[in-house]
Amino acid sequence: IERVLILGGDREEIAADELPNSEPETRDEGRMVLT
C-alpha cells in the first residue's frame, strides 16, 4: 500500500494495474493469457 501511494498518480481510486505483479489478464486482442 505504501509503495502504491508513493508511486501512484492523481487518480482518486487505486486501480488493479497499480498493484505489484498484477499482470494484465488479456492480450491486446482480448484473448486470455495462457500459461
Full PDB file with SEQRES, HELIX, SHEET, SSBOND, CRYST1, ORIGX, SCALE, CONECT and MASTER records, all heavy atoms in Angstrom:
SEQRES   1 A   35  ILE GLU ARG VAL LEU ILE LEU GLY GLY ASP ARG GLU GLU          
SEQRES   2 A   35  ILE ALA ALA ASP GLU LEU PRO ASN SER GLU PRO GLU THR          
SEQRES   3 A   35  ARG ASP GLU GLY ARG MET VAL LEU THR                          
HELIX    1 AA1 GLU A    2  LEU A    7  1                                   6    
HELIX    2 AA2 ALA A   16  GLU A   18  5                                   3    
CRYST1    1.000    1.000    1.000  90.00  90.00  90.00 P 1           1          
ORIGX1      1.000000  0.000000  0.000000        0.00000                         
ORIGX2      0.000000  1.000000  0.000000        0.00000                         
ORIGX3      0.000000  0.000000  1.000000        0.00000                         
SCALE1      1.000000  0.000000  0.000000        0.00000                         
SCALE2      0.000000  1.000000  0.000000        0.00000                         
SCALE3      0.000000  0.000000  1.000000        0.00000                         
ATOM      1  N   ILE A   1       0.845  -1.205   0.000  1.00  0.00           N  
ATOM      2  CA  ILE A   1       0.000   0.000   0.000  1.00  0.00           C  
ATOM      3  C   ILE A   1       0.876   1.249   0.000  1.00  0.00           C  
ATOM      4  O   ILE A   1       0.611   2.217  -0.737  1.00  0.00           O  
ATOM      5  CB  ILE A   1      -0.947  -0.007   1.217  1.00  0.00           C  
ATOM      6  CG1 ILE A   1      -1.951  -1.165   1.118  1.00  0.00           C  
ATOM      7  CG2 ILE A   1      -1.681   1.321   1.325  1.00  0.00           C  
ATOM      8  CD1 ILE A   1      -2.846  -1.112  -0.095  1.00  0.00           C  
ATOM      9  N   GLU A   2       1.933   1.246   0.796  1.00  0.00           N  
ATOM     10  CA  GLU A   2       2.831   2.411   0.844  1.00  0.00           C  
ATOM     11  C   GLU A   2       3.478   2.644  -0.522  1.00  0.00           C  
ATOM     12  O   GLU A   2       3.566   3.781  -0.999  1.00  0.00           O  
ATOM     13  CB  GLU A   2       3.895   2.197   1.914  1.00  0.00           C  
ATOM     14  CG  GLU A   2       4.820   3.396   2.095  1.00  0.00           C  
ATOM     15  CD  GLU A   2       5.773   3.233   3.264  1.00  0.00           C  
ATOM     16  OE1 GLU A   2       5.734   2.176   3.931  1.00  0.00           O  
ATOM     17  OE2 GLU A   2       6.563   4.167   3.506  1.00  0.00           O  
ATOM     18  N   ARG A   3       3.911   1.569  -1.172  1.00  0.00           N  
ATOM     19  CA  ARG A   3       4.542   1.694  -2.487  1.00  0.00           C  
ATOM     20  C   ARG A   3       3.564   2.260  -3.513  1.00  0.00           C  
ATOM     21  O   ARG A   3       3.917   3.141  -4.305  1.00  0.00           O  
ATOM     22  CB  ARG A   3       5.032   0.314  -2.936  1.00  0.00           C  
ATOM     23  CG  ARG A   3       5.827   0.328  -4.243  1.00  0.00           C  
ATOM     24  CD  ARG A   3       6.063  -1.090  -4.737  1.00  0.00           C  
ATOM     25  NE  ARG A   3       6.431  -1.985  -3.663  1.00  0.00           N  
ATOM     26  CZ  ARG A   3       6.375  -3.313  -3.746  1.00  0.00           C  
ATOM     27  NH1 ARG A   3       5.960  -3.886  -4.863  1.00  0.00           N  
ATOM     28  NH2 ARG A   3       6.721  -4.063  -2.725  1.00  0.00           N  
ATOM     29  N   VAL A   4       2.336   1.763  -3.481  1.00  0.00           N  
ATOM     30  CA  VAL A   4       1.327   2.235  -4.440  1.00  0.00           C  
ATOM     31  C   VAL A   4       1.038   3.719  -4.229  1.00  0.00           C  
ATOM     32  O   VAL A   4       0.922   4.487  -5.198  1.00  0.00           O  
ATOM     33  CB  VAL A   4       0.038   1.406  -4.308  1.00  0.00           C  
ATOM     34  CG1 VAL A   4      -1.113   2.055  -5.077  1.00  0.00           C  
ATOM     35  CG2 VAL A   4       0.264  -0.013  -4.812  1.00  0.00           C  
ATOM     36  N   LEU A   5       0.944   4.149  -2.972  1.00  0.00           N  
ATOM     37  CA  LEU A   5       0.645   5.556  -2.687  1.00  0.00           C  
ATOM     38  C   LEU A   5       1.806   6.468  -3.081  1.00  0.00           C  
ATOM     39  O   LEU A   5       1.596   7.604  -3.512  1.00  0.00           O  
ATOM     40  CB  LEU A   5       0.311   5.728  -1.205  1.00  0.00           C  
ATOM     41  CG  LEU A   5      -0.977   5.057  -0.712  1.00  0.00           C  
ATOM     42  CD1 LEU A   5      -1.159   5.291   0.783  1.00  0.00           C  
ATOM     43  CD2 LEU A   5      -2.195   5.569  -1.478  1.00  0.00           C  
ATOM     44  N   ILE A   6       3.037   5.980  -2.921  1.00  0.00           N  
ATOM     45  CA  ILE A   6       4.210   6.789  -3.288  1.00  0.00           C  
ATOM     46  C   ILE A   6       4.328   6.919  -4.807  1.00  0.00           C  
ATOM     47  O   ILE A   6       4.584   8.003  -5.343  1.00  0.00           O  
ATOM     48  CB  ILE A   6       5.495   6.167  -2.701  1.00  0.00           C  
ATOM     49  CG1 ILE A   6       5.493   6.305  -1.171  1.00  0.00           C  
ATOM     50  CG2 ILE A   6       6.739   6.836  -3.290  1.00  0.00           C  
ATOM     51  CD1 ILE A   6       6.639   5.584  -0.493  1.00  0.00           C  
ATOM     52  N   LEU A   7       4.131   5.811  -5.522  1.00  0.00           N  
ATOM     53  CA  LEU A   7       4.338   5.802  -6.969  1.00  0.00           C  
ATOM     54  C   LEU A   7       3.087   6.132  -7.769  1.00  0.00           C  
ATOM     55  O   LEU A   7       3.177   6.364  -8.980  1.00  0.00           O  
ATOM     56  CB  LEU A   7       4.852   4.417  -7.405  1.00  0.00           C  
ATOM     57  CG  LEU A   7       6.178   3.966  -6.786  1.00  0.00           C  
ATOM     58  CD1 LEU A   7       6.517   2.567  -7.263  1.00  0.00           C  
ATOM     59  CD2 LEU A   7       7.296   4.937  -7.122  1.00  0.00           C  
ATOM     60  N   GLY A   8       1.934   6.130  -7.111  1.00  0.00           N  
ATOM     61  CA  GLY A   8       0.669   6.303  -7.830  1.00  0.00           C  
ATOM     62  C   GLY A   8       0.489   7.697  -8.396  1.00  0.00           C  
ATOM     63  O   GLY A   8       1.164   8.662  -8.020  1.00  0.00           O  
ATOM     64  N   GLY A   9      -0.469   7.798  -9.301  1.00  0.00           N  
ATOM     65  CA  GLY A   9      -0.769   9.086  -9.928  1.00  0.00           C  
ATOM     66  C   GLY A   9      -1.798   9.866  -9.141  1.00  0.00           C  
ATOM     67  O   GLY A   9      -1.936   9.716  -7.922  1.00  0.00           O  
ATOM     68  N   ASP A  10      -2.543  10.704  -9.886  1.00  0.00           N  
ATOM     69  CA  ASP A  10      -3.526  11.585  -9.253  1.00  0.00           C  
ATOM     70  C   ASP A  10      -4.944  11.015  -9.257  1.00  0.00           C  
ATOM     71  O   ASP A  10      -5.889  11.695  -8.876  1.00  0.00           O  
ATOM     72  CB  ASP A  10      -3.539  12.947  -9.978  1.00  0.00           C  
ATOM     73  CG  ASP A  10      -2.186  13.646  -9.872  1.00  0.00           C  
ATOM     74  OD1 ASP A  10      -1.525  13.455  -8.833  1.00  0.00           O  
ATOM     75  OD2 ASP A  10      -1.815  14.362 -10.815  1.00  0.00           O  
ATOM     76  N   ARG A  11      -5.083   9.779  -9.716  1.00  0.00           N  
ATOM     77  CA  ARG A  11      -6.419   9.188  -9.750  1.00  0.00           C  
ATOM     78  C   ARG A  11      -6.981   9.038  -8.341  1.00  0.00           C  
ATOM     79  O   ARG A  11      -6.241   8.736  -7.399  1.00  0.00           O  
ATOM     80  CB  ARG A  11      -6.381   7.834 -10.450  1.00  0.00           C  
ATOM     81  CG  ARG A  11      -6.167   7.920 -11.962  1.00  0.00           C  
ATOM     82  CD  ARG A  11      -6.090   6.531 -12.593  1.00  0.00           C  
ATOM     83  NE  ARG A  11      -4.864   5.837 -12.230  1.00  0.00           N  
ATOM     84  CZ  ARG A  11      -4.560   4.612 -12.654  1.00  0.00           C  
ATOM     85  NH1 ARG A  11      -5.404   3.950 -13.428  1.00  0.00           N  
ATOM     86  NH2 ARG A  11      -3.416   4.043 -12.294  1.00  0.00           N  
ATOM     87  N   GLU A  12      -8.283   9.213  -8.199  1.00  0.00           N  
ATOM     88  CA  GLU A  12      -8.903   9.117  -6.874  1.00  0.00           C  
ATOM     89  C   GLU A  12      -8.866   7.695  -6.342  1.00  0.00           C  
ATOM     90  O   GLU A  12      -8.756   7.466  -5.142  1.00  0.00           O  
ATOM     91  CB  GLU A  12     -10.357   9.609  -6.932  1.00  0.00           C  
ATOM     92  CG  GLU A  12     -10.488  11.109  -7.178  1.00  0.00           C  
ATOM     93  CD  GLU A  12     -11.934  11.570  -7.083  1.00  0.00           C  
ATOM     94  OE1 GLU A  12     -12.799  10.724  -6.737  1.00  0.00           O  
ATOM     95  OE2 GLU A  12     -12.193  12.745  -7.350  1.00  0.00           O  
ATOM     96  N   GLU A  13      -9.004   6.720  -7.251  1.00  0.00           N  
ATOM     97  CA  GLU A  13      -9.042   5.327  -6.829  1.00  0.00           C  
ATOM     98  C   GLU A  13      -7.756   4.604  -7.209  1.00  0.00           C  
ATOM     99  O   GLU A  13      -7.129   4.912  -8.229  1.00  0.00           O  
ATOM    100  CB  GLU A  13     -10.235   4.596  -7.464  1.00  0.00           C  
ATOM    101  CG  GLU A  13     -11.576   4.984  -6.876  1.00  0.00           C  
ATOM    102  CD  GLU A  13     -12.686   4.048  -7.356  1.00  0.00           C  
ATOM    103  OE1 GLU A  13     -12.531   3.448  -8.442  1.00  0.00           O  
ATOM    104  OE2 GLU A  13     -13.687   3.893  -6.635  1.00  0.00           O  
ATOM    105  N   ILE A  14      -7.369   3.637  -6.378  1.00  0.00           N  
ATOM    106  CA  ILE A  14      -6.251   2.756  -6.701  1.00  0.00           C  
ATOM    107  C   ILE A  14      -6.766   1.661  -7.624  1.00  0.00           C  
ATOM    108  O   ILE A  14      -7.689   0.922  -7.281  1.00  0.00           O  
ATOM    109  CB  ILE A  14      -5.655   2.136  -5.419  1.00  0.00           C  
ATOM    110  CG1 ILE A  14      -5.066   3.230  -4.521  1.00  0.00           C  
ATOM    111  CG2 ILE A  14      -4.599   1.095  -5.775  1.00  0.00           C  
ATOM    112  CD1 ILE A  14      -4.605   2.731  -3.173  1.00  0.00           C  
ATOM    113  N   ALA A  15      -6.165   1.560  -8.804  1.00  0.00           N  
ATOM    114  CA  ALA A  15      -6.597   0.562  -9.786  1.00  0.00           C  
ATOM    115  C   ALA A  15      -5.802  -0.730  -9.630  1.00  0.00           C  
ATOM    116  O   ALA A  15      -4.711  -0.738  -9.056  1.00  0.00           O  
ATOM    117  CB  ALA A  15      -6.421   1.106 -11.205  1.00  0.00           C  
ATOM    118  N   ALA A  16      -6.351  -1.812 -10.160  1.00  0.00           N  
ATOM    119  CA  ALA A  16      -5.705  -3.115 -10.037  1.00  0.00           C  
ATOM    120  C   ALA A  16      -4.336  -3.130 -10.702  1.00  0.00           C  
ATOM    121  O   ALA A  16      -3.405  -3.786 -10.229  1.00  0.00           O  
ATOM    122  CB  ALA A  16      -6.602  -4.203 -10.622  1.00  0.00           C  
ATOM    123  N   ASP A  17      -4.185  -2.381 -11.819  1.00  0.00           N  
ATOM    124  CA  ASP A  17      -2.910  -2.424 -12.528  1.00  0.00           C  
ATOM    125  C   ASP A  17      -1.787  -1.673 -11.814  1.00  0.00           C  
ATOM    126  O   ASP A  17      -0.637  -1.691 -12.247  1.00  0.00           O  
ATOM    127  CB  ASP A  17      -3.072  -1.890 -13.951  1.00  0.00           C  
ATOM    128  CG  ASP A  17      -3.563  -0.447 -13.992  1.00  0.00           C  
ATOM    129  OD1 ASP A  17      -3.588   0.211 -12.928  1.00  0.00           O  
ATOM    130  OD2 ASP A  17      -3.925   0.027 -15.093  1.00  0.00           O  
ATOM    131  N   GLU A  18      -2.103  -0.987 -10.696  1.00  0.00           N  
ATOM    132  CA  GLU A  18      -1.071  -0.329  -9.897  1.00  0.00           C  
ATOM    133  C   GLU A  18      -0.432  -1.279  -8.886  1.00  0.00           C  
ATOM    134  O   GLU A  18       0.598  -0.957  -8.296  1.00  0.00           O  
ATOM    135  CB  GLU A  18      -1.657   0.864  -9.139  1.00  0.00           C  
ATOM    136  CG  GLU A  18      -2.154   1.992 -10.021  1.00  0.00           C  
ATOM    137  CD  GLU A  18      -2.674   3.149  -9.194  1.00  0.00           C  
ATOM    138  OE1 GLU A  18      -1.847   3.825  -8.553  1.00  0.00           O  
ATOM    139  OE2 GLU A  18      -3.902   3.353  -9.166  1.00  0.00           O  
ATOM    140  N   LEU A  19      -1.055  -2.426  -8.675  1.00  0.00           N  
ATOM    141  CA  LEU A  19      -0.557  -3.369  -7.691  1.00  0.00           C  
ATOM    142  C   LEU A  19       0.595  -4.179  -8.270  1.00  0.00           C  
ATOM    143  O   LEU A  19       0.625  -4.459  -9.465  1.00  0.00           O  
ATOM    144  CB  LEU A  19      -1.675  -4.301  -7.234  1.00  0.00           C  
ATOM    145  CG  LEU A  19      -2.873  -3.615  -6.566  1.00  0.00           C  
ATOM    146  CD1 LEU A  19      -3.978  -4.617  -6.295  1.00  0.00           C  
ATOM    147  CD2 LEU A  19      -2.442  -2.944  -5.266  1.00  0.00           C  
ATOM    148  N   PRO A  20       1.563  -4.568  -7.447  1.00  0.00           N  
ATOM    149  CA  PRO A  20       2.707  -5.335  -7.958  1.00  0.00           C  
ATOM    150  C   PRO A  20       2.288  -6.715  -8.445  1.00  0.00           C  
ATOM    151  O   PRO A  20       1.358  -7.325  -7.905  1.00  0.00           O  
ATOM    152  CB  PRO A  20       3.624  -5.451  -6.733  1.00  0.00           C  
ATOM    153  CG  PRO A  20       2.717  -5.294  -5.560  1.00  0.00           C  
ATOM    154  CD  PRO A  20       1.656  -4.329  -5.998  1.00  0.00           C  
ATOM    155  N   ASN A  21       2.954  -7.167  -9.484  1.00  0.00           N  
ATOM    156  CA  ASN A  21       2.702  -8.499 -10.045  1.00  0.00           C  
ATOM    157  C   ASN A  21       1.280  -8.687 -10.551  1.00  0.00           C  
ATOM    158  O   ASN A  21       0.794  -9.805 -10.660  1.00  0.00           O  
ATOM    159  CB  ASN A  21       3.014  -9.598  -9.020  1.00  0.00           C  
ATOM    160  CG  ASN A  21       4.448  -9.556  -8.573  1.00  0.00           C  
ATOM    161  OD1 ASN A  21       5.341  -9.301  -9.375  1.00  0.00           O  
ATOM    162  ND2 ASN A  21       4.687  -9.779  -7.297  1.00  0.00           N  
ATOM    163  N   SER A  22       0.584  -7.563 -10.820  1.00  0.00           N  
ATOM    164  CA  SER A  22      -0.783  -7.674 -11.339  1.00  0.00           C  
ATOM    165  C   SER A  22      -0.729  -7.575 -12.861  1.00  0.00           C  
ATOM    166  O   SER A  22      -1.085  -6.563 -13.449  1.00  0.00           O  
ATOM    167  CB  SER A  22      -1.674  -6.573 -10.749  1.00  0.00           C  
ATOM    168  OG  SER A  22      -1.133  -5.299 -11.020  1.00  0.00           O  
ATOM    169  N   GLU A  23      -0.248  -8.635 -13.491  1.00  0.00           N  
ATOM    170  CA  GLU A  23      -0.120  -8.634 -14.941  1.00  0.00           C  
ATOM    171  C   GLU A  23      -1.495  -8.621 -15.588  1.00  0.00           C  
ATOM    172  O   GLU A  23      -2.438  -9.228 -15.069  1.00  0.00           O  
ATOM    173  CB  GLU A  23       0.656  -9.874 -15.390  1.00  0.00           C  
ATOM    174  CG  GLU A  23       2.086  -9.908 -14.861  1.00  0.00           C  
ATOM    175  CD  GLU A  23       2.807 -11.160 -15.300  1.00  0.00           C  
ATOM    176  OE1 GLU A  23       2.180 -11.977 -16.000  1.00  0.00           O  
ATOM    177  OE2 GLU A  23       3.984 -11.314 -14.934  1.00  0.00           O  
ATOM    178  N   PRO A  24      -1.651  -7.967 -16.695  1.00  0.00           N  
ATOM    179  CA  PRO A  24      -2.945  -7.945 -17.365  1.00  0.00           C  
ATOM    180  C   PRO A  24      -3.410  -9.356 -17.698  1.00  0.00           C  
ATOM    181  O   PRO A  24      -2.610 -10.207 -18.070  1.00  0.00           O  
ATOM    182  CB  PRO A  24      -2.682  -7.147 -18.650  1.00  0.00           C  
ATOM    183  CG  PRO A  24      -1.390  -6.450 -18.439  1.00  0.00           C  
ATOM    184  CD  PRO A  24      -0.626  -7.222 -17.443  1.00  0.00           C  
ATOM    185  N   GLU A  25      -4.687  -9.599 -17.536  1.00  0.00           N  
ATOM    186  CA  GLU A  25      -5.219 -10.928 -17.783  1.00  0.00           C  
ATOM    187  C   GLU A  25      -5.540 -11.156 -19.250  1.00  0.00           C  
ATOM    188  O   GLU A  25      -5.833 -12.267 -19.659  1.00  0.00           O  
ATOM    189  CB  GLU A  25      -6.482 -11.159 -16.948  1.00  0.00           C  
ATOM    190  CG  GLU A  25      -6.204 -11.165 -15.441  1.00  0.00           C  
ATOM    191  CD  GLU A  25      -7.447 -11.486 -14.651  1.00  0.00           C  
ATOM    192  OE1 GLU A  25      -8.516 -11.634 -15.289  1.00  0.00           O  
ATOM    193  OE2 GLU A  25      -7.380 -11.593 -13.437  1.00  0.00           O  
ATOM    194  N   THR A  26      -5.531 -10.124 -20.084  1.00  0.00           N  
ATOM    195  CA  THR A  26      -5.876 -10.271 -21.502  1.00  0.00           C  
ATOM    196  C   THR A  26      -4.821  -9.624 -22.371  1.00  0.00           C  
ATOM    197  O   THR A  26      -4.134  -8.690 -21.965  1.00  0.00           O  
ATOM    198  CB  THR A  26      -7.238  -9.603 -21.800  1.00  0.00           C  
ATOM    199  OG1 THR A  26      -7.155  -8.236 -21.459  1.00  0.00           O  
ATOM    200  CG2 THR A  26      -8.352 -10.271 -21.019  1.00  0.00           C  
ATOM    201  N   ARG A  27      -4.704 -10.148 -23.610  1.00  0.00           N  
ATOM    202  CA  ARG A  27      -3.826  -9.530 -24.585  1.00  0.00           C  
ATOM    203  C   ARG A  27      -4.570  -8.377 -25.256  1.00  0.00           C  
ATOM    204  O   ARG A  27      -5.747  -8.129 -24.982  1.00  0.00           O  
ATOM    205  CB  ARG A  27      -3.392 -10.573 -25.618  1.00  0.00           C  
ATOM    206  CG  ARG A  27      -2.622 -11.755 -24.997  1.00  0.00           C  
ATOM    207  CD  ARG A  27      -2.119 -12.666 -26.095  1.00  0.00           C  
ATOM    208  NE  ARG A  27      -1.587 -13.897 -25.546  1.00  0.00           N  
ATOM    209  CZ  ARG A  27      -0.350 -14.061 -25.109  1.00  0.00           C  
ATOM    210  NH1 ARG A  27       0.472 -13.024 -25.122  1.00  0.00           N  
ATOM    211  NH2 ARG A  27       0.058 -15.224 -24.648  1.00  0.00           N  
ATOM    212  N   ASP A  28      -3.878  -7.713 -26.156  1.00  0.00           N  
ATOM    213  CA  ASP A  28      -4.490  -6.568 -26.830  1.00  0.00           C  
ATOM    214  C   ASP A  28      -5.759  -6.960 -27.567  1.00  0.00           C  
ATOM    215  O   ASP A  28      -6.723  -6.212 -27.614  1.00  0.00           O  
ATOM    216  CB  ASP A  28      -3.498  -5.947 -27.805  1.00  0.00           C  
ATOM    217  CG  ASP A  28      -2.333  -5.293 -27.087  1.00  0.00           C  
ATOM    218  OD1 ASP A  28      -2.508  -4.992 -25.886  1.00  0.00           O  
ATOM    219  OD2 ASP A  28      -1.285  -5.093 -27.707  1.00  0.00           O  
ATOM    220  N   GLU A  29      -5.776  -8.188 -28.162  1.00  0.00           N  
ATOM    221  CA  GLU A  29      -6.950  -8.584 -28.933  1.00  0.00           C  
ATOM    222  C   GLU A  29      -8.042  -9.186 -28.061  1.00  0.00           C  
ATOM    223  O   GLU A  29      -9.024  -9.719 -28.567  1.00  0.00           O  
ATOM    224  CB  GLU A  29      -6.538  -9.580 -30.025  1.00  0.00           C  
ATOM    225  CG  GLU A  29      -5.879 -10.848 -29.498  1.00  0.00           C  
ATOM    226  CD  GLU A  29      -4.366 -10.692 -29.439  1.00  0.00           C  
ATOM    227  OE1 GLU A  29      -3.905  -9.561 -29.174  1.00  0.00           O  
ATOM    228  OE2 GLU A  29      -3.662 -11.691 -29.658  1.00  0.00           O  
ATOM    229  N   GLY A  30      -7.883  -9.092 -26.707  1.00  0.00           N  
ATOM    230  CA  GLY A  30      -8.946  -9.539 -25.827  1.00  0.00           C  
ATOM    231  C   GLY A  30      -8.859 -10.994 -25.427  1.00  0.00           C  
ATOM    232  O   GLY A  30      -9.725 -11.497 -24.718  1.00  0.00           O  
ATOM    233  N   ARG A  31      -7.826 -11.730 -25.871  1.00  0.00           N  
ATOM    234  CA  ARG A  31      -7.709 -13.130 -25.508  1.00  0.00           C  
ATOM    235  C   ARG A  31      -7.051 -13.270 -24.141  1.00  0.00           C  
ATOM    236  O   ARG A  31      -6.248 -12.443 -23.724  1.00  0.00           O  
ATOM    237  CB  ARG A  31      -6.852 -13.856 -26.552  1.00  0.00           C  
ATOM    238  CG  ARG A  31      -7.479 -13.934 -27.911  1.00  0.00           C  
ATOM    239  CD  ARG A  31      -6.453 -14.324 -28.952  1.00  0.00           C  
ATOM    240  NE  ARG A  31      -5.676 -15.492 -28.523  1.00  0.00           N  
ATOM    241  CZ  ARG A  31      -4.512 -15.831 -29.042  1.00  0.00           C  
ATOM    242  NH1 ARG A  31      -3.981 -15.085 -30.005  1.00  0.00           N  
ATOM    243  NH2 ARG A  31      -3.877 -16.905 -28.619  1.00  0.00           N  
ATOM    244  N   MET A  32      -7.391 -14.373 -23.427  1.00  0.00           N  
ATOM    245  CA  MET A  32      -6.765 -14.652 -22.132  1.00  0.00           C  
ATOM    246  C   MET A  32      -5.327 -15.074 -22.319  1.00  0.00           C  
ATOM    247  O   MET A  32      -4.971 -15.709 -23.308  1.00  0.00           O  
ATOM    248  CB  MET A  32      -7.511 -15.776 -21.393  1.00  0.00           C  
ATOM    249  CG  MET A  32      -8.803 -15.345 -20.730  1.00  0.00           C  
ATOM    250  SD  MET A  32      -9.412 -16.627 -19.622  1.00  0.00           S  
ATOM    251  CE  MET A  32      -8.103 -16.686 -18.413  1.00  0.00           C  
ATOM    252  N   VAL A  33      -4.491 -14.737 -21.344  1.00  0.00           N  
ATOM    253  CA  VAL A  33      -3.115 -15.202 -21.338  1.00  0.00           C  
ATOM    254  C   VAL A  33      -3.098 -16.644 -20.868  1.00  0.00           C  
ATOM    255  O   VAL A  33      -3.611 -16.972 -19.803  1.00  0.00           O  
ATOM    256  CB  VAL A  33      -2.246 -14.329 -20.398  1.00  0.00           C  
ATOM    257  CG1 VAL A  33      -0.846 -14.898 -20.298  1.00  0.00           C  
ATOM    258  CG2 VAL A  33      -2.221 -12.901 -20.890  1.00  0.00           C  
ATOM    259  N   LEU A  34      -2.531 -17.546 -21.641  1.00  0.00           N  
ATOM    260  CA  LEU A  34      -2.478 -18.966 -21.309  1.00  0.00           C  
ATOM    261  C   LEU A  34      -1.072 -19.300 -20.836  1.00  0.00           C  
ATOM    262  O   LEU A  34      -0.099 -19.111 -21.572  1.00  0.00           O  
ATOM    263  CB  LEU A  34      -2.833 -19.815 -22.535  1.00  0.00           C  
ATOM    264  CG  LEU A  34      -3.015 -21.323 -22.306  1.00  0.00           C  
ATOM    265  CD1 LEU A  34      -4.195 -21.576 -21.385  1.00  0.00           C  
ATOM    266  CD2 LEU A  34      -3.215 -22.032 -23.631  1.00  0.00           C  
ATOM    267  N   THR A  35      -0.955 -19.791 -19.589  1.00  0.00           N  
ATOM    268  CA  THR A  35       0.363 -20.134 -19.067  1.00  0.00           C  
ATOM    269  C   THR A  35       0.872 -21.410 -19.720  1.00  0.00           C  
ATOM    270  O   THR A  35       0.099 -22.229 -20.234  1.00  0.00           O  
ATOM    271  CB  THR A  35       0.297 -20.359 -17.540  1.00  0.00           C  
ATOM    272  OG1 THR A  35      -0.531 -21.494 -17.269  1.00  0.00           O  
ATOM    273  CG2 THR A  35      -0.282 -19.138 -16.841  1.00  0.00           C  
TER     274      THR A  35                                                      
MASTER        0    0    0    2    0    0    0    6  273    1    0    3          
END                                                                             
